[in-house]
N, C-alpha and C. Protein backbone atom coordinates (compact mmCIF):
# COMPACT_ATOMS: atom_id res chain seq x y z
N MET A 1 2.85 13.53 24.54
CA MET A 1 2.83 13.72 23.11
C MET A 1 1.48 14.32 22.73
N ARG A 2 1.44 14.99 21.61
CA ARG A 2 0.19 15.60 21.13
C ARG A 2 -0.21 14.99 19.79
N CYS A 3 -1.51 14.92 19.58
CA CYS A 3 -2.05 14.41 18.32
C CYS A 3 -1.60 15.33 17.19
N LEU A 4 -1.13 14.74 16.12
CA LEU A 4 -0.64 15.51 14.97
C LEU A 4 -1.75 16.34 14.33
N LEU A 5 -2.98 15.88 14.39
CA LEU A 5 -4.07 16.58 13.72
C LEU A 5 -4.76 17.64 14.59
N CYS A 6 -5.09 17.29 15.84
CA CYS A 6 -5.87 18.23 16.65
C CYS A 6 -5.06 18.90 17.76
N GLY A 7 -3.91 18.34 18.10
CA GLY A 7 -3.06 18.93 19.13
C GLY A 7 -3.40 18.52 20.55
N LYS A 8 -4.44 17.68 20.73
CA LYS A 8 -4.79 17.22 22.07
C LYS A 8 -3.75 16.22 22.57
N PHE A 9 -3.65 16.11 23.90
CA PHE A 9 -2.75 15.13 24.49
C PHE A 9 -3.15 13.73 24.03
N SER A 10 -2.16 12.93 23.64
CA SER A 10 -2.42 11.58 23.16
C SER A 10 -1.19 10.72 23.37
N PHE A 11 -1.39 9.43 23.61
CA PHE A 11 -0.27 8.51 23.70
C PHE A 11 0.19 8.07 22.32
N LYS A 12 -0.61 8.35 21.30
CA LYS A 12 -0.28 7.97 19.93
C LYS A 12 -0.17 9.22 19.06
N ILE A 13 0.40 9.05 17.88
CA ILE A 13 0.63 10.18 16.97
C ILE A 13 -0.70 10.78 16.49
N LEU A 14 -1.74 9.95 16.41
CA LEU A 14 -3.09 10.41 16.08
C LEU A 14 -4.02 9.92 17.20
N CYS A 15 -4.76 10.85 17.79
CA CYS A 15 -5.65 10.47 18.90
C CYS A 15 -6.84 9.66 18.38
N LYS A 16 -7.51 9.00 19.31
CA LYS A 16 -8.65 8.16 18.98
C LYS A 16 -9.75 8.96 18.27
N ASP A 17 -10.02 10.18 18.74
CA ASP A 17 -11.07 11.00 18.14
C ASP A 17 -10.75 11.33 16.68
N CYS A 18 -9.50 11.69 16.42
CA CYS A 18 -9.10 12.03 15.04
C CYS A 18 -9.12 10.80 14.14
N LEU A 19 -8.69 9.65 14.68
CA LEU A 19 -8.73 8.42 13.89
C LEU A 19 -10.16 8.09 13.47
N GLU A 20 -11.10 8.32 14.38
CA GLU A 20 -12.50 8.03 14.06
C GLU A 20 -13.06 8.98 13.01
N LEU A 21 -12.43 10.14 12.83
CA LEU A 21 -12.89 11.11 11.82
C LEU A 21 -12.33 10.83 10.42
N ILE A 22 -11.32 9.97 10.34
CA ILE A 22 -10.75 9.64 9.03
C ILE A 22 -11.72 8.69 8.33
N PRO A 23 -12.30 9.13 7.21
CA PRO A 23 -13.34 8.31 6.58
C PRO A 23 -12.77 7.11 5.82
N LEU A 24 -13.21 5.93 6.22
CA LEU A 24 -12.91 4.72 5.46
C LEU A 24 -13.85 4.70 4.27
N GLU A 25 -13.30 4.62 3.08
CA GLU A 25 -14.10 4.62 1.86
C GLU A 25 -13.59 3.50 0.95
N PRO A 26 -13.97 2.25 1.25
CA PRO A 26 -13.48 1.13 0.45
C PRO A 26 -13.85 1.27 -1.03
N THR A 27 -12.88 0.95 -1.88
CA THR A 27 -13.08 1.00 -3.32
C THR A 27 -12.58 -0.31 -3.93
N CYS A 28 -13.03 -0.56 -5.14
CA CYS A 28 -12.51 -1.68 -5.93
C CYS A 28 -12.37 -1.19 -7.36
N ARG A 29 -11.14 -1.19 -7.83
CA ARG A 29 -10.89 -0.81 -9.23
C ARG A 29 -10.53 -2.05 -10.03
N ASP A 30 -10.98 -2.08 -11.24
CA ASP A 30 -10.68 -3.19 -12.14
C ASP A 30 -9.69 -2.69 -13.18
N LEU A 31 -8.48 -3.25 -13.13
CA LEU A 31 -7.44 -2.91 -14.10
C LEU A 31 -7.27 -4.08 -15.05
N GLN A 32 -7.97 -4.07 -16.14
CA GLN A 32 -7.86 -5.14 -17.14
C GLN A 32 -8.09 -6.51 -16.50
N GLY A 33 -9.10 -6.61 -15.64
CA GLY A 33 -9.43 -7.87 -14.98
C GLY A 33 -8.70 -8.09 -13.67
N PHE A 34 -7.84 -7.18 -13.29
CA PHE A 34 -7.08 -7.29 -12.04
C PHE A 34 -7.71 -6.35 -11.02
N LYS A 35 -8.17 -6.90 -9.91
CA LYS A 35 -8.87 -6.11 -8.89
C LYS A 35 -7.88 -5.46 -7.92
N VAL A 36 -8.13 -4.17 -7.67
CA VAL A 36 -7.32 -3.41 -6.71
C VAL A 36 -8.28 -2.82 -5.69
N TYR A 37 -8.09 -3.23 -4.42
CA TYR A 37 -8.96 -2.79 -3.34
C TYR A 37 -8.27 -1.69 -2.54
N GLY A 38 -8.97 -0.57 -2.40
CA GLY A 38 -8.46 0.56 -1.63
C GLY A 38 -9.33 0.78 -0.41
N PHE A 39 -8.81 1.56 0.54
CA PHE A 39 -9.51 1.76 1.80
C PHE A 39 -9.85 3.22 2.09
N PHE A 40 -9.14 4.14 1.47
CA PHE A 40 -9.38 5.57 1.68
C PHE A 40 -9.41 6.27 0.33
N GLU A 41 -10.19 7.32 0.26
CA GLU A 41 -10.15 8.20 -0.90
C GLU A 41 -8.92 9.10 -0.68
N TYR A 42 -8.10 9.19 -1.69
CA TYR A 42 -6.82 9.88 -1.56
C TYR A 42 -6.95 11.29 -0.98
N GLY A 43 -7.91 12.06 -1.44
CA GLY A 43 -8.07 13.44 -0.99
C GLY A 43 -8.35 13.57 0.50
N SER A 44 -8.89 12.52 1.11
CA SER A 44 -9.20 12.60 2.55
C SER A 44 -8.00 12.24 3.43
N VAL A 45 -6.95 11.65 2.85
CA VAL A 45 -5.79 11.25 3.65
C VAL A 45 -4.46 11.67 3.02
N ASP A 46 -4.50 12.52 2.00
CA ASP A 46 -3.26 12.86 1.29
C ASP A 46 -2.21 13.48 2.22
N MET A 47 -2.62 14.34 3.12
CA MET A 47 -1.65 14.94 4.04
C MET A 47 -0.98 13.85 4.90
N LEU A 48 -1.76 12.88 5.33
CA LEU A 48 -1.22 11.80 6.16
C LEU A 48 -0.28 10.91 5.34
N LEU A 49 -0.66 10.62 4.09
CA LEU A 49 0.19 9.79 3.25
C LEU A 49 1.52 10.47 2.93
N HIS A 50 1.50 11.77 2.79
CA HIS A 50 2.75 12.50 2.50
C HIS A 50 3.69 12.50 3.70
N ALA A 51 3.20 12.07 4.84
CA ALA A 51 4.06 11.97 6.02
C ALA A 51 5.11 10.88 5.87
N LYS A 52 4.99 10.06 4.80
CA LYS A 52 6.00 9.02 4.59
C LYS A 52 7.38 9.64 4.38
N TYR A 53 7.40 10.92 4.06
CA TYR A 53 8.67 11.62 3.86
C TYR A 53 9.22 12.22 5.16
N SER A 54 8.56 11.92 6.29
CA SER A 54 9.01 12.45 7.57
C SER A 54 9.25 11.31 8.57
N VAL A 55 9.89 11.62 9.64
CA VAL A 55 10.21 10.62 10.66
C VAL A 55 8.95 10.02 11.29
N VAL A 56 7.90 10.82 11.48
CA VAL A 56 6.67 10.32 12.12
C VAL A 56 5.81 9.51 11.15
N GLY A 57 6.21 9.45 9.91
CA GLY A 57 5.42 8.74 8.90
C GLY A 57 5.16 7.29 9.22
N SER A 58 6.11 6.63 9.84
CA SER A 58 5.92 5.21 10.16
C SER A 58 4.75 5.01 11.11
N LYS A 59 4.60 5.91 12.06
CA LYS A 59 3.49 5.81 13.02
C LYS A 59 2.15 6.10 12.34
N ILE A 60 2.16 7.06 11.43
CA ILE A 60 0.93 7.40 10.70
C ILE A 60 0.51 6.24 9.80
N TYR A 61 1.48 5.67 9.09
CA TYR A 61 1.16 4.54 8.22
C TYR A 61 0.64 3.35 9.02
N ALA A 62 1.20 3.11 10.19
CA ALA A 62 0.70 2.02 11.03
C ALA A 62 -0.75 2.27 11.44
N SER A 63 -1.08 3.51 11.75
CA SER A 63 -2.47 3.86 12.13
C SER A 63 -3.42 3.66 10.95
N LEU A 64 -3.02 4.09 9.76
CA LEU A 64 -3.86 3.91 8.58
C LEU A 64 -4.04 2.43 8.24
N ALA A 65 -2.97 1.66 8.39
CA ALA A 65 -3.06 0.22 8.13
C ALA A 65 -4.04 -0.45 9.08
N GLN A 66 -4.03 -0.05 10.35
CA GLN A 66 -4.96 -0.63 11.32
C GLN A 66 -6.40 -0.27 10.98
N LEU A 67 -6.63 0.95 10.50
CA LEU A 67 -7.98 1.32 10.07
C LEU A 67 -8.42 0.47 8.88
N ALA A 68 -7.52 0.26 7.92
CA ALA A 68 -7.84 -0.56 6.75
C ALA A 68 -8.18 -1.99 7.17
N LEU A 69 -7.48 -2.49 8.16
CA LEU A 69 -7.74 -3.85 8.64
C LEU A 69 -9.15 -4.01 9.21
N LYS A 70 -9.70 -2.94 9.75
CA LYS A 70 -11.07 -3.02 10.25
C LYS A 70 -12.03 -3.44 9.14
N VAL A 71 -11.82 -2.88 7.95
CA VAL A 71 -12.65 -3.24 6.80
C VAL A 71 -12.41 -4.70 6.42
N LEU A 72 -11.15 -5.07 6.29
CA LEU A 72 -10.84 -6.44 5.87
C LEU A 72 -11.38 -7.48 6.85
N LYS A 73 -11.20 -7.22 8.12
CA LYS A 73 -11.64 -8.21 9.12
C LYS A 73 -13.16 -8.41 9.10
N THR A 74 -13.91 -7.37 8.77
CA THR A 74 -15.37 -7.52 8.72
C THR A 74 -15.84 -8.15 7.42
N GLN A 75 -15.04 -8.05 6.35
CA GLN A 75 -15.49 -8.56 5.06
C GLN A 75 -14.92 -9.92 4.67
N LEU A 76 -13.84 -10.34 5.31
CA LEU A 76 -13.27 -11.65 4.99
C LEU A 76 -14.06 -12.76 5.66
N LYS A 77 -14.43 -13.76 4.89
CA LYS A 77 -15.14 -14.90 5.46
C LYS A 77 -14.16 -15.89 6.08
N VAL A 78 -13.00 -16.05 5.46
CA VAL A 78 -11.92 -16.89 5.98
C VAL A 78 -10.62 -16.12 5.82
N PRO A 79 -9.68 -16.34 6.72
CA PRO A 79 -8.40 -15.64 6.57
C PRO A 79 -7.67 -16.11 5.31
N TYR A 80 -6.85 -15.26 4.79
CA TYR A 80 -6.02 -15.62 3.65
C TYR A 80 -5.04 -16.72 4.04
N ASN A 81 -4.59 -17.43 3.04
CA ASN A 81 -3.45 -18.31 3.20
C ASN A 81 -2.60 -18.04 1.96
N ALA A 82 -2.03 -16.86 1.92
CA ALA A 82 -1.25 -16.41 0.77
C ALA A 82 -0.13 -15.50 1.27
N TYR A 83 0.61 -14.97 0.33
CA TYR A 83 1.73 -14.08 0.64
C TYR A 83 1.38 -12.66 0.20
N SER A 84 2.00 -11.70 0.86
CA SER A 84 1.85 -10.31 0.43
C SER A 84 3.22 -9.78 0.03
N VAL A 85 3.23 -9.03 -1.07
CA VAL A 85 4.46 -8.45 -1.59
C VAL A 85 4.22 -6.95 -1.77
N GLY A 86 5.08 -6.16 -1.16
CA GLY A 86 4.98 -4.71 -1.27
C GLY A 86 5.71 -4.20 -2.50
N ILE A 87 5.17 -3.15 -3.07
CA ILE A 87 5.83 -2.50 -4.20
C ILE A 87 7.01 -1.71 -3.65
N ASP A 88 8.19 -2.10 -4.05
CA ASP A 88 9.41 -1.34 -3.75
C ASP A 88 9.55 -1.00 -2.27
N ASP A 89 9.51 -2.01 -1.42
CA ASP A 89 9.57 -1.77 0.04
C ASP A 89 11.02 -1.64 0.53
N LYS A 90 11.71 -0.68 -0.05
CA LYS A 90 13.07 -0.37 0.38
C LYS A 90 13.02 0.60 1.56
N ILE A 91 14.03 0.54 2.41
CA ILE A 91 14.10 1.47 3.53
C ILE A 91 14.47 2.85 3.02
N SER A 92 13.69 3.84 3.42
CA SER A 92 13.88 5.22 2.97
C SER A 92 14.90 5.96 3.84
N LYS A 93 15.14 7.20 3.47
CA LYS A 93 16.04 8.07 4.26
C LYS A 93 15.52 8.25 5.68
N GLN A 94 14.21 8.09 5.86
CA GLN A 94 13.60 8.26 7.18
C GLN A 94 13.79 7.03 8.06
N GLY A 95 14.33 5.94 7.50
CA GLY A 95 14.65 4.77 8.30
C GLY A 95 13.60 3.66 8.31
N TYR A 96 12.64 3.71 7.41
CA TYR A 96 11.63 2.65 7.35
C TYR A 96 11.10 2.52 5.92
N ALA A 97 10.44 1.41 5.64
CA ALA A 97 9.80 1.18 4.35
C ALA A 97 8.30 1.26 4.56
N HIS A 98 7.66 2.29 3.99
CA HIS A 98 6.24 2.52 4.28
C HIS A 98 5.35 1.35 3.85
N ASN A 99 5.65 0.70 2.73
CA ASN A 99 4.82 -0.44 2.33
C ASN A 99 5.03 -1.65 3.24
N ALA A 100 6.21 -1.76 3.84
CA ALA A 100 6.46 -2.87 4.76
C ALA A 100 5.58 -2.76 6.01
N ILE A 101 5.22 -1.55 6.38
CA ILE A 101 4.34 -1.36 7.53
C ILE A 101 2.96 -1.95 7.24
N PHE A 102 2.45 -1.72 6.04
CA PHE A 102 1.17 -2.29 5.62
C PHE A 102 1.29 -3.81 5.51
N LEU A 103 2.41 -4.31 4.98
CA LEU A 103 2.63 -5.76 4.89
C LEU A 103 2.54 -6.40 6.27
N ARG A 104 3.22 -5.80 7.23
CA ARG A 104 3.24 -6.35 8.59
C ARG A 104 1.83 -6.38 9.18
N ALA A 105 1.06 -5.34 8.96
CA ALA A 105 -0.31 -5.30 9.49
C ALA A 105 -1.19 -6.38 8.86
N LEU A 106 -0.96 -6.67 7.59
CA LEU A 106 -1.80 -7.65 6.89
C LEU A 106 -1.59 -9.09 7.39
N LYS A 107 -0.59 -9.30 8.23
CA LYS A 107 -0.43 -10.62 8.86
C LYS A 107 -1.67 -10.97 9.66
N GLN A 108 -2.38 -9.96 10.17
CA GLN A 108 -3.56 -10.19 11.00
C GLN A 108 -4.71 -10.85 10.23
N VAL A 109 -4.65 -10.80 8.89
CA VAL A 109 -5.69 -11.46 8.08
C VAL A 109 -5.13 -12.64 7.30
N GLY A 110 -3.99 -13.16 7.74
CA GLY A 110 -3.44 -14.38 7.17
C GLY A 110 -2.51 -14.22 5.99
N LEU A 111 -2.11 -13.01 5.69
CA LEU A 111 -1.15 -12.80 4.61
C LEU A 111 0.27 -12.84 5.17
N HIS A 112 1.10 -13.65 4.60
CA HIS A 112 2.48 -13.81 5.05
C HIS A 112 3.36 -12.83 4.28
N PRO A 113 3.96 -11.86 4.95
CA PRO A 113 4.73 -10.84 4.23
C PRO A 113 6.02 -11.39 3.63
N MET A 114 6.25 -11.01 2.39
CA MET A 114 7.53 -11.29 1.72
C MET A 114 8.22 -9.95 1.55
N TYR A 115 9.01 -9.59 2.53
CA TYR A 115 9.69 -8.30 2.50
C TYR A 115 10.81 -8.29 1.46
N LYS A 116 11.10 -7.10 0.96
CA LYS A 116 12.22 -6.88 0.04
C LYS A 116 12.21 -7.88 -1.11
N THR A 117 11.06 -7.99 -1.77
CA THR A 117 10.90 -8.97 -2.85
C THR A 117 10.92 -8.33 -4.22
N LEU A 118 10.27 -7.20 -4.37
CA LEU A 118 10.07 -6.58 -5.68
C LEU A 118 10.56 -5.14 -5.65
N HIS A 119 11.66 -4.87 -6.30
CA HIS A 119 12.23 -3.53 -6.29
C HIS A 119 12.30 -2.94 -7.68
N ALA A 120 12.04 -1.66 -7.77
CA ALA A 120 12.12 -0.95 -9.05
C ALA A 120 13.57 -0.60 -9.35
N SER A 121 13.98 -0.88 -10.58
CA SER A 121 15.33 -0.46 -10.97
C SER A 121 15.31 0.99 -11.44
N ASN A 122 14.14 1.49 -11.81
CA ASN A 122 13.97 2.90 -12.19
C ASN A 122 13.27 3.60 -11.03
N SER A 123 13.98 4.42 -10.31
CA SER A 123 13.42 5.05 -9.11
C SER A 123 12.92 6.47 -9.35
N VAL A 124 12.59 6.80 -10.58
CA VAL A 124 12.07 8.12 -10.89
C VAL A 124 10.75 8.33 -10.12
N SER A 125 10.55 9.54 -9.65
CA SER A 125 9.33 9.84 -8.90
C SER A 125 8.17 10.10 -9.85
N TYR A 126 7.04 9.47 -9.57
CA TYR A 126 5.82 9.69 -10.36
C TYR A 126 4.96 10.81 -9.78
N ALA A 127 5.30 11.30 -8.61
CA ALA A 127 4.47 12.30 -7.93
C ALA A 127 4.23 13.51 -8.84
N GLY A 128 2.96 13.79 -9.10
CA GLY A 128 2.59 14.94 -9.90
C GLY A 128 2.80 14.79 -11.39
N LYS A 129 3.21 13.62 -11.85
CA LYS A 129 3.47 13.39 -13.27
C LYS A 129 2.23 12.85 -13.97
N ASP A 130 2.13 13.12 -15.27
CA ASP A 130 0.97 12.66 -16.03
C ASP A 130 1.15 11.22 -16.51
N LEU A 131 0.08 10.67 -17.09
CA LEU A 131 0.07 9.29 -17.54
C LEU A 131 1.14 9.02 -18.59
N GLU A 132 1.34 9.94 -19.51
CA GLU A 132 2.35 9.75 -20.55
C GLU A 132 3.75 9.64 -19.96
N PHE A 133 4.05 10.45 -18.95
CA PHE A 133 5.35 10.37 -18.28
C PHE A 133 5.51 8.98 -17.64
N ARG A 134 4.46 8.52 -16.99
CA ARG A 134 4.51 7.21 -16.33
C ARG A 134 4.73 6.09 -17.35
N LYS A 135 4.07 6.19 -18.50
CA LYS A 135 4.23 5.17 -19.53
C LYS A 135 5.66 5.18 -20.10
N ARG A 136 6.23 6.37 -20.24
CA ARG A 136 7.60 6.49 -20.78
C ARG A 136 8.67 6.06 -19.79
N ASN A 137 8.31 5.98 -18.51
CA ASN A 137 9.28 5.67 -17.46
C ASN A 137 8.80 4.51 -16.59
N PRO A 138 8.77 3.29 -17.16
CA PRO A 138 8.31 2.15 -16.35
C PRO A 138 9.25 1.89 -15.19
N ARG A 139 8.75 1.19 -14.19
CA ARG A 139 9.53 0.90 -12.99
C ARG A 139 10.64 -0.12 -13.24
N ASN A 140 10.46 -1.01 -14.21
CA ASN A 140 11.44 -2.06 -14.49
C ASN A 140 11.79 -2.83 -13.22
N PHE A 141 10.82 -3.57 -12.73
CA PHE A 141 10.98 -4.29 -11.47
C PHE A 141 12.01 -5.40 -11.56
N ILE A 142 12.71 -5.59 -10.46
CA ILE A 142 13.67 -6.67 -10.28
C ILE A 142 13.17 -7.52 -9.12
N LEU A 143 13.10 -8.82 -9.36
CA LEU A 143 12.65 -9.75 -8.33
C LEU A 143 13.83 -10.14 -7.46
N LYS A 144 13.70 -9.98 -6.16
CA LYS A 144 14.78 -10.27 -5.21
C LYS A 144 14.61 -11.61 -4.49
N ARG A 145 13.41 -12.21 -4.57
CA ARG A 145 13.14 -13.48 -3.90
C ARG A 145 12.30 -14.36 -4.84
N ALA A 146 12.41 -15.65 -4.67
CA ALA A 146 11.63 -16.59 -5.49
C ALA A 146 10.15 -16.51 -5.13
N VAL A 147 9.31 -16.51 -6.15
CA VAL A 147 7.86 -16.45 -5.94
C VAL A 147 7.13 -17.58 -6.64
N LYS A 148 7.86 -18.46 -7.28
CA LYS A 148 7.25 -19.53 -8.06
C LYS A 148 6.25 -20.32 -7.21
N ASP A 149 5.07 -20.53 -7.80
CA ASP A 149 3.98 -21.32 -7.19
C ASP A 149 3.39 -20.69 -5.93
N LYS A 150 3.64 -19.42 -5.69
CA LYS A 150 3.06 -18.74 -4.53
C LYS A 150 1.84 -17.92 -4.97
N GLN A 151 0.82 -17.89 -4.11
CA GLN A 151 -0.31 -17.00 -4.31
C GLN A 151 0.03 -15.69 -3.61
N ILE A 152 -0.11 -14.58 -4.33
CA ILE A 152 0.37 -13.30 -3.83
C ILE A 152 -0.69 -12.21 -3.94
N VAL A 153 -0.72 -11.37 -2.92
CA VAL A 153 -1.50 -10.13 -2.94
C VAL A 153 -0.48 -9.00 -2.96
N LEU A 154 -0.58 -8.15 -3.97
CA LEU A 154 0.31 -6.98 -4.08
C LEU A 154 -0.15 -5.89 -3.12
N VAL A 155 0.79 -5.12 -2.60
CA VAL A 155 0.48 -4.07 -1.62
C VAL A 155 1.22 -2.80 -1.99
N ASP A 156 0.49 -1.68 -1.99
CA ASP A 156 1.09 -0.37 -2.25
C ASP A 156 0.34 0.67 -1.43
N ASP A 157 0.87 1.88 -1.39
CA ASP A 157 0.21 2.91 -0.60
C ASP A 157 -0.87 3.64 -1.39
N ILE A 158 -0.62 3.93 -2.67
CA ILE A 158 -1.55 4.73 -3.47
C ILE A 158 -1.68 4.14 -4.86
N ILE A 159 -2.88 4.16 -5.41
CA ILE A 159 -3.07 3.84 -6.82
C ILE A 159 -3.54 5.10 -7.52
N THR A 160 -2.86 5.43 -8.61
CA THR A 160 -3.31 6.53 -9.46
C THR A 160 -3.76 5.93 -10.79
N SER A 161 -2.83 5.73 -11.71
CA SER A 161 -3.19 5.15 -13.01
C SER A 161 -3.29 3.63 -12.95
N GLY A 162 -2.57 3.00 -12.03
CA GLY A 162 -2.54 1.55 -11.94
C GLY A 162 -1.41 0.91 -12.72
N LEU A 163 -0.63 1.70 -13.45
CA LEU A 163 0.46 1.15 -14.25
C LEU A 163 1.50 0.43 -13.41
N THR A 164 1.85 0.97 -12.27
CA THR A 164 2.86 0.33 -11.41
C THR A 164 2.38 -1.04 -10.95
N LEU A 165 1.13 -1.13 -10.51
CA LEU A 165 0.60 -2.41 -10.05
C LEU A 165 0.54 -3.43 -11.18
N LEU A 166 0.13 -3.01 -12.37
CA LEU A 166 0.09 -3.94 -13.49
C LEU A 166 1.49 -4.41 -13.88
N GLU A 167 2.46 -3.51 -13.84
CA GLU A 167 3.83 -3.89 -14.15
C GLU A 167 4.37 -4.87 -13.10
N ALA A 168 4.06 -4.63 -11.83
CA ALA A 168 4.49 -5.53 -10.75
C ALA A 168 3.83 -6.90 -10.91
N LYS A 169 2.56 -6.91 -11.22
CA LYS A 169 1.83 -8.17 -11.43
C LYS A 169 2.46 -8.97 -12.56
N GLU A 170 2.75 -8.30 -13.64
CA GLU A 170 3.37 -8.95 -14.80
C GLU A 170 4.72 -9.57 -14.43
N CYS A 171 5.52 -8.86 -13.67
CA CYS A 171 6.83 -9.36 -13.25
C CYS A 171 6.68 -10.61 -12.38
N LEU A 172 5.78 -10.56 -11.42
CA LEU A 172 5.57 -11.71 -10.54
C LEU A 172 5.04 -12.92 -11.30
N GLU A 173 4.08 -12.69 -12.18
CA GLU A 173 3.51 -13.80 -12.94
C GLU A 173 4.52 -14.39 -13.92
N ALA A 174 5.39 -13.56 -14.48
CA ALA A 174 6.43 -14.06 -15.38
C ALA A 174 7.42 -14.96 -14.64
N ASN A 175 7.43 -14.86 -13.31
CA ASN A 175 8.31 -15.68 -12.48
C ASN A 175 7.57 -16.77 -11.73
N GLY A 176 6.37 -17.10 -12.21
CA GLY A 176 5.65 -18.26 -11.69
C GLY A 176 4.68 -18.04 -10.55
N ALA A 177 4.43 -16.81 -10.15
CA ALA A 177 3.48 -16.53 -9.07
C ALA A 177 2.07 -16.40 -9.61
N LYS A 178 1.11 -16.62 -8.75
CA LYS A 178 -0.29 -16.31 -9.08
C LYS A 178 -0.67 -15.09 -8.25
N VAL A 179 -0.91 -13.98 -8.93
CA VAL A 179 -1.25 -12.74 -8.23
C VAL A 179 -2.77 -12.66 -8.13
N LEU A 180 -3.27 -12.67 -6.91
CA LEU A 180 -4.71 -12.71 -6.66
C LEU A 180 -5.38 -11.36 -6.91
N HIS A 181 -4.85 -10.31 -6.30
CA HIS A 181 -5.35 -8.95 -6.41
C HIS A 181 -4.37 -8.03 -5.68
N ALA A 182 -4.76 -6.79 -5.48
CA ALA A 182 -3.88 -5.84 -4.79
C ALA A 182 -4.67 -5.08 -3.74
N PHE A 183 -3.95 -4.67 -2.68
CA PHE A 183 -4.48 -3.77 -1.66
C PHE A 183 -3.67 -2.49 -1.70
N VAL A 184 -4.36 -1.37 -1.66
CA VAL A 184 -3.70 -0.07 -1.54
C VAL A 184 -4.39 0.70 -0.43
N LEU A 185 -3.64 1.52 0.26
CA LEU A 185 -4.27 2.33 1.30
C LEU A 185 -5.24 3.32 0.67
N ALA A 186 -4.80 4.03 -0.38
CA ALA A 186 -5.64 5.10 -0.93
C ALA A 186 -5.77 5.00 -2.45
N ASP A 187 -6.93 5.39 -2.90
CA ASP A 187 -7.25 5.41 -4.34
C ASP A 187 -7.32 6.88 -4.77
N ALA A 188 -6.45 7.23 -5.71
CA ALA A 188 -6.40 8.61 -6.19
C ALA A 188 -7.09 8.78 -7.53
N SER A 189 -8.03 7.89 -7.84
CA SER A 189 -8.74 8.00 -9.11
C SER A 189 -9.61 9.25 -9.13
N THR A 190 -9.83 9.75 -10.30
CA THR A 190 -10.68 10.94 -10.45
C THR A 190 -12.00 10.51 -11.07
N LYS A 191 -12.89 10.04 -10.21
CA LYS A 191 -14.19 9.55 -10.67
C LYS A 191 -15.15 10.69 -10.84
């Protein structure tokens, strides 16, 4: 197999050299008192994140999740004892749920994945849309599993405006969960 980025022979979809070149840029955004922690600046990994629309996307997402875990493992003083819930972790046409890959990786820091818990009833694509469009088209989340009295960390691939994460948090809290914060692979803020 060849590395997707450099073309060198590799046993993985991204070789070790290319993985080391992907810059980890931890961020923390505050959305009305709700903390969202990111691991990559969107512009440095956008091509890799768009691979979620291809068959090899699952391997790329697993590699990015492992890089993100490097940051978490060095910064956590004690492992979590909470649950992780992915935003809309439905299986795609490509045969996998990209947020579920991040959920599975987060088990290494003590987060217990709750798969297929929070699904959007409005599946309109936000890609390339402005804030007004996003506000006019909320996700309208449906809870598929009980979350009452659970401490939860929300998980998504990208944060842009933060509206989706706030809407998901509101849905979970309305059903008795305590949402601690959120993890996203990439932050697409324009600072």
